[in-house]
Amino acid sequence: MSDTPSSDFSGLEGGDEQDAADVVRDVVTWYSTQIAAERRAPVPDDDRIEELNAGRQAALEDQRRLGTADPQETERIAALYAARLKELKES
């Protein structure tokens, strides 16, 4: 047995909920950053800002829903937002 602490927290209570909250927060942050950048543009695109705001608002609503979500819903939200974050970063 090693004296090195393990960094595997998968067995801890709340791990899935925290993972889901983290990935949703990352998506909210991505949208916020994009909104700020668009507003600072020499000619801001109002349609893009509106689209970004709608995406950010939806993520914030899902973030609030995580507080009462069952494990299956939490897992679904985490998977959805992990895929969305990957897509957003690649765009």
Protein backbone atom coordinates (compact mmCIF):
# COMPACT_ATOMS: atom_id res chain seq x y z
CA MET A 1 0.00 0.00 0.00
CA SER A 2 1.37 3.39 -1.00
CA ASP A 3 1.45 6.49 1.17
CA THR A 4 0.58 8.59 -1.87
CA PRO A 5 -2.98 9.87 -1.68
CA SER A 6 -5.27 8.85 -4.50
CA SER A 7 -6.76 11.57 -6.69
CA ASP A 8 -9.74 9.39 -7.67
CA PHE A 9 -12.76 11.04 -6.07
CA SER A 10 -15.34 9.00 -8.00
CA GLY A 11 -16.47 7.17 -4.88
CA LEU A 12 -17.25 10.33 -2.94
CA GLU A 13 -20.82 11.51 -2.53
CA GLY A 14 -21.67 14.50 -4.69
CA GLY A 15 -19.01 13.79 -7.30
CA ASP A 16 -21.43 13.55 -10.22
CA GLU A 17 -23.31 16.64 -9.09
CA GLN A 18 -20.07 18.61 -8.83
CA ASP A 19 -18.90 17.42 -12.25
CA ALA A 20 -22.21 18.49 -13.77
CA ALA A 21 -22.10 21.85 -12.01
CA ASP A 22 -18.53 22.41 -13.20
CA VAL A 23 -19.25 21.69 -16.85
CA VAL A 24 -22.41 23.82 -16.87
CA ARG A 25 -20.46 26.64 -15.19
CA ASP A 26 -17.79 26.32 -17.89
CA VAL A 27 -20.46 26.72 -20.59
CA VAL A 28 -21.92 29.78 -18.81
CA THR A 29 -18.41 31.24 -18.64
CA TRP A 30 -17.84 30.59 -22.35
CA TYR A 31 -21.06 32.41 -23.22
CA SER A 32 -20.23 35.31 -20.88
CA THR A 33 -16.79 35.70 -22.43
CA GLN A 34 -18.23 35.67 -25.95
CA ILE A 35 -20.91 38.22 -25.02
CA ALA A 36 -18.30 40.56 -23.56
CA ALA A 37 -16.08 40.21 -26.63
CA GLU A 38 -18.97 40.86 -29.00
CA ARG A 39 -20.01 43.96 -27.05
CA ARG A 40 -16.43 45.30 -27.29
CA ALA A 41 -16.31 44.72 -31.05
CA PRO A 42 -16.09 47.88 -33.19
CA VAL A 43 -19.50 46.97 -34.64
CA PRO A 44 -21.27 44.61 -32.23
CA ASP A 45 -23.59 42.07 -33.84
CA ASP A 46 -26.85 42.45 -31.92
CA ASP A 47 -28.24 39.19 -33.31
CA ARG A 48 -25.18 37.29 -32.12
CA ILE A 49 -25.40 38.92 -28.69
CA GLU A 50 -29.05 37.90 -28.48
CA GLU A 51 -28.19 34.33 -29.49
CA LEU A 52 -25.36 34.18 -26.94
CA ASN A 53 -27.59 35.59 -24.21
CA ALA A 54 -30.24 32.94 -24.95
CA GLY A 55 -27.63 30.17 -24.71
CA ARG A 56 -26.26 31.59 -21.47
CA GLN A 57 -29.76 31.90 -19.98
CA ALA A 58 -30.59 28.29 -20.85
CA ALA A 59 -27.37 27.14 -19.19
CA LEU A 60 -28.15 29.18 -16.07
CA GLU A 61 -31.60 27.58 -15.88
CA ASP A 62 -30.07 24.10 -16.15
CA GLN A 63 -27.51 25.07 -13.53
CA ARG A 64 -30.33 25.96 -11.12
CA ARG A 65 -32.15 22.71 -12.00
CA LEU A 66 -29.13 20.70 -10.89
CA GLY A 67 -29.99 21.56 -7.29
CA THR A 68 -33.06 19.33 -7.39
CA ALA A 69 -32.16 16.91 -10.19
CA ASP A 70 -32.12 13.17 -9.60
CA PRO A 71 -28.95 11.23 -10.51
CA GLN A 72 -30.20 10.35 -13.99
CA GLU A 73 -31.08 13.97 -14.79
CA THR A 74 -27.75 15.12 -13.38
CA GLU A 75 -25.94 12.65 -15.61
CA ARG A 76 -27.98 13.75 -18.64
CA ILE A 77 -27.22 17.43 -18.01
CA ALA A 78 -23.52 16.69 -17.49
CA ALA A 79 -23.31 14.75 -20.76
CA LEU A 80 -25.26 17.40 -22.67
CA TYR A 81 -23.06 20.23 -21.42
CA ALA A 82 -19.81 18.33 -21.87
CA ALA A 83 -20.74 17.84 -25.53
CA ARG A 84 -21.88 21.46 -25.84
CA LEU A 85 -18.66 22.78 -24.33
CA LYS A 86 -16.60 20.71 -26.72
CA GLU A 87 -18.66 21.98 -29.65
CA LEU A 88 -18.41 25.60 -28.50
CA LYS A 89 -14.66 25.42 -28.07
CA GLU A 90 -14.25 23.92 -31.54
CA SER A 91 -16.37 26.61 -33.22
